[in-house]
Amino acid sequence: MCTTYLTCIILKKLEEYNIKPMDFPRLIRLNPFARYKTRGNGALSFVLELESRSDVELVEKIVLDYVEKYAMFDGVNTNPGVVFYEGEITQAMQDYAINAIYSIYTIDYAEEFAHSIGARVHKFKKGRGIIGAIAAIGIELNDETFECLAYRIPENYGTKRQLDEESIFLMNEKTYPETFDNIDIEGNYAAIEPHTPCPVLYGIRGNTPSIVEEAHNIVKSYEQIEDYCIFRTNQHTDMHIQHGVKIKDMVNTGCYCFSCEVVEKPYDIEGGHVFFKVSDNTDIMECAAFEPTKSFRDIVRKLCVGDKLTIYGGLNDNHTFNIEKFKLNEIAPQYEYSNPICVCGKRMKSAGKDKGFKCPKCSRRLRDGKKIRKSIPRDLDIGFYEVPTEARRHLAKPIVRMKLDN
């Protein structure tokens, strides 16, 4: 069961008792390289101001009952966890949260930490969900986005979604760039609907809650929408990216931004993946643009030895750097060399090592001649390049949002 949907129906149930969250519920994405995770490795939280102990007990009962009722426990990787916390968010909780994005915690460590802050932990099966639950409570959002998720009625789960594609393109036209990743430009298709048989009908991401709601109101659906909910998120903020780490100090499952120089030209391997090597003078790193990144690989193929880049992405378990985007800072000049032209118009040939050139037509010799150097135009510009919408990770900041930083 989709955790965002579960959060939505829990909040609706709480409203029946006049209990409402103090803010939008939060959807927090964790380390994208975690081996045991949901597809987007997300965790949910919301904050309530309760007046009595009986209200606290009521909330806990409703939450736990709904998790018990709706979680799909048959799945081998379905190991939900629920954490209740009362009090102020401490620095230790904020540190825990950011490190849950930078690295990977064990269930035992998460449970130990929860007890140290006085949180109440409820584990279902292995209870791996408590790792993210604690992070979703304690995370500090210095940058944030919002996502409006619309949900299907249960009888439509698993069927083809019935959306008016023209209205999605119209929505994008009216709200972009304040909303983003609605359309996959390369494939020219609507990218707001998932490809899984889950309760989500579509999700629209944007910079403010008002813009995602406006966008939601433009989209037309030919099937009934059960409900919708707006979440405050760390999606598309680059919160997973660590800065200032040298290649020699990078570890698997870590995500980084670093400046480097191309030291081995790109090459393809079977499966359509493109690899090349870079260096920051502390070590050499193998980088990859994998097949799902589609035309982004064509950009990578144009890189040459000597090009200077700033790369964003993460290290997989094979210690290969999975590129999310890069900035081309400096383009290395490329040249081609050819033999000189004889006065008779024929291109000369080498007369042997250190013997200059000889014309094959008129036998004229050029003992002190040198090859002619000609600059090769580079079909690349200084600036940012990124993977297409389809291949973008939840946490990766698209270029359109990076312009907000400037």
Foldseek 3Di string as FASTA:
>chain_A
DDPVVLVVVLQVVVVVVVWHFPDAKAKEFAQCQDPQADNQRIAIDTHTDDDDPVSVVVSVVSSVVSCVVPQPVVDPSRKAKAKADDDDQDPVLQVLLLVRRQDPDDPVVLVVVCVVRPIDMDIGPSRPNSSNNSNSVRHDPPAWKKKKWWFADVVCQPHDFFWDFVLLVVLCVVQPPQWDLQAFVVVRGGDFADPHRDGTNGMIMGRDPVSNVVSVVSIDGPHDTPDMGMHIYLFQVCSQEDEDDALVRADASGKYKDKWFWAFAWDADPQGKIWGWTHPVPDIAIEIAHPVLPCLVVVSNLADGGWMKIFTAGAHPVRYGYTFKMFGADHDWDKDWAADADPVGAGWADPDVQQATAGPPPRDGDNPDDTDIDTDDRPDDGTMDGGTSVPHRRNHHDPSVVVVVD
